[in-house]
PDB file of all heavy atoms in Angstrom:
ATOM      1  N   ASP A   1      -0.046   2.288  14.809  1.00  0.00           N
ATOM      2  CA  ASP A   1      -1.271   2.672  13.953  1.00  0.00           C
ATOM      3  C   ASP A   1      -0.839   3.665  12.816  1.00  0.00           C
ATOM      4  O   ASP A   1      -1.306   3.621  11.733  1.00  0.00           O
ATOM      5  CB  ASP A   1      -2.220   3.336  14.927  1.00  0.00           C
ATOM      6  CG  ASP A   1      -3.164   2.300  15.515  1.00  0.00           C
ATOM      7  OD1 ASP A   1      -3.098   1.191  15.155  1.00  0.00           O
ATOM      8  OD2 ASP A   1      -3.876   2.715  16.470  1.00  0.00           O
ATOM      9  N   ARG A   2       0.081   4.539  13.159  1.00  0.00           N
ATOM     10  CA  ARG A   2       0.528   5.453  12.119  1.00  0.00           C
ATOM     11  C   ARG A   2       1.182   4.794  10.910  1.00  0.00           C
ATOM     12  O   ARG A   2       0.874   5.025   9.758  1.00  0.00           O
ATOM     13  CB  ARG A   2       1.511   6.522  12.696  1.00  0.00           C
ATOM     14  CG  ARG A   2       1.895   7.640  11.774  1.00  0.00           C
ATOM     15  CD  ARG A   2       2.685   8.696  12.482  1.00  0.00           C
ATOM     16  NE  ARG A   2       3.105   9.754  11.594  1.00  0.00           N
ATOM     17  CZ  ARG A   2       3.793  10.818  11.976  1.00  0.00           C
ATOM     18  NH1 ARG A   2       4.163  10.956  13.275  1.00  0.00           N
ATOM     19  NH2 ARG A   2       4.144  11.734  11.091  1.00  0.00           N
ATOM     20  N   ALA A   3       2.049   3.794  11.217  1.00  0.00           N
ATOM     21  CA  ALA A   3       2.656   3.029  10.161  1.00  0.00           C
ATOM     22  C   ALA A   3       1.689   2.119   9.374  1.00  0.00           C
ATOM     23  O   ALA A   3       1.762   2.020   8.200  1.00  0.00           O
ATOM     24  CB  ALA A   3       3.782   2.257  10.695  1.00  0.00           C
ATOM     25  N   LEU A   4       0.739   1.603  10.140  1.00  0.00           N
ATOM     26  CA  LEU A   4      -0.251   0.862   9.408  1.00  0.00           C
ATOM     27  C   LEU A   4      -1.106   1.691   8.573  1.00  0.00           C
ATOM     28  O   LEU A   4      -1.489   1.176   7.410  1.00  0.00           O
ATOM     29  CB  LEU A   4      -1.194   0.165  10.492  1.00  0.00           C
ATOM     30  CG  LEU A   4      -0.547  -1.058  11.351  1.00  0.00           C
ATOM     31  CD1 LEU A   4      -1.397  -1.368  12.469  1.00  0.00           C
ATOM     32  CD2 LEU A   4      -0.341  -2.244  10.437  1.00  0.00           C
ATOM     33  N   ALA A   5      -1.490   2.862   8.932  1.00  0.00           N
ATOM     34  CA  ALA A   5      -2.233   3.697   8.086  1.00  0.00           C
ATOM     35  C   ALA A   5      -1.485   4.134   6.885  1.00  0.00           C
ATOM     36  O   ALA A   5      -1.997   4.203   5.774  1.00  0.00           O
ATOM     37  CB  ALA A   5      -2.617   5.019   8.933  1.00  0.00           C
ATOM     38  N   HIS A   6      -0.088   4.338   6.991  1.00  0.00           N
ATOM     39  CA  HIS A   6       0.840   4.623   5.780  1.00  0.00           C
ATOM     40  C   HIS A   6       0.683   3.404   4.861  1.00  0.00           C
ATOM     41  O   HIS A   6       0.775   3.683   3.617  1.00  0.00           O
ATOM     42  CB  HIS A   6       2.168   4.923   6.273  1.00  0.00           C
ATOM     43  CG  HIS A   6       3.067   5.250   5.201  1.00  0.00           C
ATOM     44  ND1 HIS A   6       3.920   4.206   4.647  1.00  0.00           N
ATOM     45  CD2 HIS A   6       3.295   6.324   4.501  1.00  0.00           C
ATOM     46  CE1 HIS A   6       4.659   4.795   3.686  1.00  0.00           C
ATOM     47  NE2 HIS A   6       4.324   6.066   3.596  1.00  0.00           N
ATOM     48  N   ASN A   7       0.691   2.257   5.412  1.00  0.00           N
ATOM     49  CA  ASN A   7       0.800   0.997   4.564  1.00  0.00           C
ATOM     50  C   ASN A   7      -0.439   0.665   3.822  1.00  0.00           C
ATOM     51  O   ASN A   7      -0.498  -0.282   3.074  1.00  0.00           O
ATOM     52  CB  ASN A   7       1.260  -0.164   5.404  1.00  0.00           C
ATOM     53  CG  ASN A   7       2.743  -0.182   5.785  1.00  0.00           C
ATOM     54  OD1 ASN A   7       3.476   0.686   5.243  1.00  0.00           O
ATOM     55  ND2 ASN A   7       3.228  -1.101   6.597  1.00  0.00           N
ATOM     56  N   ARG A   8      -1.509   1.379   4.138  1.00  0.00           N
ATOM     57  CA  ARG A   8      -2.724   1.042   3.335  1.00  0.00           C
ATOM     58  C   ARG A   8      -2.499   1.142   1.920  1.00  0.00           C
ATOM     59  O   ARG A   8      -3.237   0.489   1.033  1.00  0.00           O
ATOM     60  CB  ARG A   8      -3.844   2.094   3.787  1.00  0.00           C
ATOM     61  CG  ARG A   8      -4.323   1.830   5.248  1.00  0.00           C
ATOM     62  CD  ARG A   8      -5.280   2.930   5.659  1.00  0.00           C
ATOM     63  NE  ARG A   8      -6.596   2.782   4.839  1.00  0.00           N
ATOM     64  CZ  ARG A   8      -7.642   1.999   5.332  1.00  0.00           C
ATOM     65  NH1 ARG A   8      -7.504   1.317   6.362  1.00  0.00           N
ATOM     66  NH2 ARG A   8      -8.688   2.016   4.464  1.00  0.00           N
ATOM     67  N   GLU A   9      -1.605   2.002   1.457  1.00  0.00           N
ATOM     68  CA  GLU A   9      -1.413   2.162   0.037  1.00  0.00           C
ATOM     69  C   GLU A   9      -0.801   0.849  -0.607  1.00  0.00           C
ATOM     70  O   GLU A   9      -0.811   0.691  -1.819  1.00  0.00           O
ATOM     71  CB  GLU A   9      -0.483   3.396  -0.254  1.00  0.00           C
ATOM     72  CG  GLU A   9       0.796   3.309   0.583  1.00  0.00           C
ATOM     73  CD  GLU A   9       1.950   2.540  -0.106  1.00  0.00           C
ATOM     74  OE1 GLU A   9       1.798   2.337  -1.412  1.00  0.00           O
ATOM     75  OE2 GLU A   9       2.928   2.174   0.492  1.00  0.00           O
ATOM     76  N   LEU A  10      -0.435  -0.050   0.170  1.00  0.00           N
ATOM     77  CA  LEU A  10       0.044  -1.369  -0.357  1.00  0.00           C
ATOM     78  C   LEU A  10      -1.004  -2.142  -1.059  1.00  0.00           C
ATOM     79  O   LEU A  10      -0.731  -2.847  -2.095  1.00  0.00           O
ATOM     80  CB  LEU A  10       0.662  -2.302   0.781  1.00  0.00           C
ATOM     81  CG  LEU A  10       1.936  -1.917   1.325  1.00  0.00           C
ATOM     82  CD1 LEU A  10       2.284  -2.901   2.546  1.00  0.00           C
ATOM     83  CD2 LEU A  10       3.134  -1.990   0.378  1.00  0.00           C
ATOM     84  N   TYR A  11      -2.182  -1.923  -0.620  1.00  0.00           N
ATOM     85  CA  TYR A  11      -3.278  -2.932  -0.893  1.00  0.00           C
ATOM     86  C   TYR A  11      -4.171  -2.387  -2.055  1.00  0.00           C
ATOM     87  O   TYR A  11      -4.557  -1.258  -2.098  1.00  0.00           O
ATOM     88  CB  TYR A  11      -4.123  -3.222   0.269  1.00  0.00           C
ATOM     89  CG  TYR A  11      -3.187  -3.942   1.378  1.00  0.00           C
ATOM     90  CD1 TYR A  11      -2.820  -3.081   2.488  1.00  0.00           C
ATOM     91  CD2 TYR A  11      -2.710  -5.192   1.268  1.00  0.00           C
ATOM     92  CE1 TYR A  11      -2.062  -3.621   3.494  1.00  0.00           C
ATOM     93  CE2 TYR A  11      -1.924  -5.725   2.310  1.00  0.00           C
ATOM     94  CZ  TYR A  11      -1.571  -4.846   3.312  1.00  0.00           C
ATOM     95  OH  TYR A  11      -0.695  -5.403   4.337  1.00  0.00           O
ATOM     96  N   THR A  12      -4.548  -3.291  -2.913  1.00  0.00           N
ATOM     97  CA  THR A  12      -5.509  -3.089  -3.942  1.00  0.00           C
ATOM     98  C   THR A  12      -6.917  -2.827  -3.324  1.00  0.00           C
ATOM     99  O   THR A  12      -7.646  -1.903  -3.638  1.00  0.00           O
ATOM    100  CB  THR A  12      -5.651  -4.169  -4.947  1.00  0.00           C
ATOM    101  OG1 THR A  12      -4.335  -4.631  -5.315  1.00  0.00           O
ATOM    102  CG2 THR A  12      -6.380  -3.724  -6.162  1.00  0.00           C
ATOM    103  N   ARG A  13      -7.295  -3.740  -2.462  1.00  0.00           N
ATOM    104  CA  ARG A  13      -8.546  -3.572  -1.680  1.00  0.00           C
ATOM    105  C   ARG A  13      -8.292  -4.117  -0.233  1.00  0.00           C
ATOM    106  O   ARG A  13      -7.611  -4.963   0.062  1.00  0.00           O
ATOM    107  CB  ARG A  13      -9.648  -4.483  -2.445  1.00  0.00           C
ATOM    108  CG  ARG A  13     -10.097  -3.865  -3.668  1.00  0.00           C
ATOM    109  CD  ARG A  13     -11.280  -4.848  -4.278  1.00  0.00           C
ATOM    110  NE  ARG A  13     -10.774  -6.159  -4.666  1.00  0.00           N
ATOM    111  CZ  ARG A  13     -11.526  -7.248  -4.508  1.00  0.00           C
ATOM    112  NH1 ARG A  13     -12.729  -7.245  -4.022  1.00  0.00           N
ATOM    113  NH2 ARG A  13     -11.049  -8.423  -4.883  1.00  0.00           N
ATOM    114  N   LEU A  14      -9.223  -3.500   0.674  1.00  0.00           N
ATOM    115  CA  LEU A  14      -9.243  -3.961   2.074  1.00  0.00           C
ATOM    116  C   LEU A  14     -10.687  -4.326   2.451  1.00  0.00           C
ATOM    117  O   LEU A  14     -11.641  -3.725   2.048  1.00  0.00           O
ATOM    118  CB  LEU A  14      -8.741  -2.845   2.960  1.00  0.00           C
ATOM    119  CG  LEU A  14      -7.222  -2.517   2.858  1.00  0.00           C
ATOM    120  CD1 LEU A  14      -6.911  -1.212   3.580  1.00  0.00           C
ATOM    121  CD2 LEU A  14      -6.394  -3.564   3.596  1.00  0.00           C
ATOM    122  N   PHE A  15     -10.730  -5.426   3.298  1.00  0.00           N
ATOM    123  CA  PHE A  15     -12.006  -5.892   3.655  1.00  0.00           C
ATOM    124  C   PHE A  15     -12.295  -5.614   5.145  1.00  0.00           C
ATOM    125  O   PHE A  15     -11.412  -5.838   6.016  1.00  0.00           O
ATOM    126  CB  PHE A  15     -12.024  -7.446   3.490  1.00  0.00           C
ATOM    127  CG  PHE A  15     -13.247  -8.215   4.034  1.00  0.00           C
ATOM    128  CD1 PHE A  15     -14.448  -7.971   3.524  1.00  0.00           C
ATOM    129  CD2 PHE A  15     -13.123  -9.096   5.133  1.00  0.00           C
ATOM    130  CE1 PHE A  15     -15.580  -8.676   3.947  1.00  0.00           C
ATOM    131  CE2 PHE A  15     -14.204  -9.740   5.614  1.00  0.00           C
ATOM    132  CZ  PHE A  15     -15.418  -9.547   5.129  1.00  0.00           C
ATOM    133  N   ASP A  16     -13.500  -5.019   5.430  1.00  0.00           N
ATOM    134  CA  ASP A  16     -13.879  -4.806   6.743  1.00  0.00           C
ATOM    135  C   ASP A  16     -14.430  -6.083   7.360  1.00  0.00           C
ATOM    136  O   ASP A  16     -15.493  -6.580   7.055  1.00  0.00           O
ATOM    137  CB  ASP A  16     -15.026  -3.698   6.808  1.00  0.00           C
ATOM    138  CG  ASP A  16     -15.367  -3.376   8.179  1.00  0.00           C
ATOM    139  OD1 ASP A  16     -14.882  -4.008   9.206  1.00  0.00           O
ATOM    140  OD2 ASP A  16     -16.178  -2.399   8.342  1.00  0.00           O
ATOM    141  N   SER A  17     -13.592  -6.733   8.359  1.00  0.00           N
ATOM    142  CA  SER A  17     -13.967  -8.134   8.730  1.00  0.00           C
ATOM    143  C   SER A  17     -14.694  -8.012  10.096  1.00  0.00           C
ATOM    144  O   SER A  17     -14.971  -9.011  10.753  1.00  0.00           O
ATOM    145  CB  SER A  17     -12.678  -8.904   8.943  1.00  0.00           C
ATOM    146  OG  SER A  17     -11.890  -8.273   9.976  1.00  0.00           O
ATOM    147  N   GLY A  18     -15.096  -6.848  10.530  1.00  0.00           N
ATOM    148  CA  GLY A  18     -15.843  -6.758  11.772  1.00  0.00           C
ATOM    149  C   GLY A  18     -15.174  -6.143  12.913  1.00  0.00           C
ATOM    150  O   GLY A  18     -14.013  -5.640  12.742  1.00  0.00           O
ATOM    151  N   PRO A  19     -15.711  -6.280  14.136  1.00  0.00           N
ATOM    152  CA  PRO A  19     -15.195  -5.686  15.321  1.00  0.00           C
ATOM    153  C   PRO A  19     -13.787  -6.200  15.750  1.00  0.00           C
ATOM    154  O   PRO A  19     -13.389  -7.331  15.243  1.00  0.00           O
ATOM    155  CB  PRO A  19     -16.280  -5.872  16.389  1.00  0.00           C
ATOM    156  CG  PRO A  19     -16.936  -7.112  15.919  1.00  0.00           C
ATOM    157  CD  PRO A  19     -16.975  -6.995  14.423  1.00  0.00           C
ATOM    158  N   ALA A  20     -13.094  -5.595  16.510  1.00  0.00           N
ATOM    159  CA  ALA A  20     -11.762  -6.025  16.929  1.00  0.00           C
ATOM    160  C   ALA A  20     -11.796  -7.386  17.613  1.00  0.00           C
ATOM    161  O   ALA A  20     -10.874  -8.230  17.510  1.00  0.00           O
ATOM    162  CB  ALA A  20     -11.169  -4.948  17.936  1.00  0.00           C
ATOM    163  N   ARG A  21     -12.829  -7.630  18.383  1.00  0.00           N
ATOM    164  CA  ARG A  21     -13.011  -8.954  19.072  1.00  0.00           C
ATOM    165  C   ARG A  21     -13.970  -9.703  18.338  1.00  0.00           C
ATOM    166  O   ARG A  21     -15.235  -9.411  18.357  1.00  0.00           O
ATOM    167  CB  ARG A  21     -13.392  -8.740  20.489  1.00  0.00           C
ATOM    168  CG  ARG A  21     -12.200  -8.289  21.386  1.00  0.00           C
ATOM    169  CD  ARG A  21     -12.762  -8.103  22.839  1.00  0.00           C
ATOM    170  NE  ARG A  21     -13.389  -9.223  23.490  1.00  0.00           N
ATOM    171  CZ  ARG A  21     -13.918  -9.222  24.615  1.00  0.00           C
ATOM    172  NH1 ARG A  21     -14.128  -7.947  25.206  1.00  0.00           N
ATOM    173  NH2 ARG A  21     -14.377 -10.258  25.145  1.00  0.00           N
ATOM    174  N   ARG A  22     -13.643 -10.728  17.622  1.00  0.00           N
ATOM    175  CA  ARG A  22     -14.509 -11.600  16.817  1.00  0.00           C
ATOM    176  C   ARG A  22     -13.817 -12.928  16.730  1.00  0.00           C
ATOM    177  O   ARG A  22     -12.615 -13.096  16.560  1.00  0.00           O
ATOM    178  CB  ARG A  22     -14.760 -11.014  15.452  1.00  0.00           C
ATOM    179  CG  ARG A  22     -15.801 -11.814  14.641  1.00  0.00           C
ATOM    180  CD  ARG A  22     -16.026 -11.356  13.214  1.00  0.00           C
ATOM    181  NE  ARG A  22     -17.058 -11.998  12.518  1.00  0.00           N
ATOM    182  CZ  ARG A  22     -17.374 -11.931  11.220  1.00  0.00           C
ATOM    183  NH1 ARG A  22     -16.622 -11.073  10.514  1.00  0.00           N
ATOM    184  NH2 ARG A  22     -18.333 -12.610  10.765  1.00  0.00           N
ATOM    185  N   ASP A  23     -14.614 -14.011  16.733  1.00  0.00           N
ATOM    186  CA  ASP A  23     -14.084 -15.369  16.582  1.00  0.00           C
ATOM    187  C   ASP A  23     -13.231 -15.411  15.390  1.00  0.00           C
ATOM    188  O   ASP A  23     -13.678 -14.986  14.238  1.00  0.00           O
ATOM    189  CB  ASP A  23     -15.261 -16.333  16.511  1.00  0.00           C
ATOM    190  CG  ASP A  23     -14.857 -17.779  16.351  1.00  0.00           C
ATOM    191  OD1 ASP A  23     -14.561 -18.449  17.371  1.00  0.00           O
ATOM    192  OD2 ASP A  23     -14.625 -18.175  15.145  1.00  0.00           O
ATOM    193  N   LYS A  24     -12.068 -16.007  15.446  1.00  0.00           N
ATOM    194  CA  LYS A  24     -11.070 -15.971  14.393  1.00  0.00           C
ATOM    195  C   LYS A  24     -11.631 -16.813  13.192  1.00  0.00           C
ATOM    196  O   LYS A  24     -11.412 -16.358  12.054  1.00  0.00           O
ATOM    197  CB  LYS A  24      -9.756 -16.539  14.909  1.00  0.00           C
ATOM    198  CG  LYS A  24      -9.030 -15.533  15.617  1.00  0.00           C
ATOM    199  CD  LYS A  24      -7.459 -15.872  15.702  1.00  0.00           C
ATOM    200  CE  LYS A  24      -6.737 -14.760  16.324  1.00  0.00           C
ATOM    201  NZ  LYS A  24      -5.313 -14.889  16.237  1.00  0.00           N
TER     202      LYS A  24
END
């Protein structure tokens, strides 16, 4: 999680796709 948080700067935009368990 720490590395994922650091990598947020990679992206121009991020989409909130919903809860952790959701039909793919």
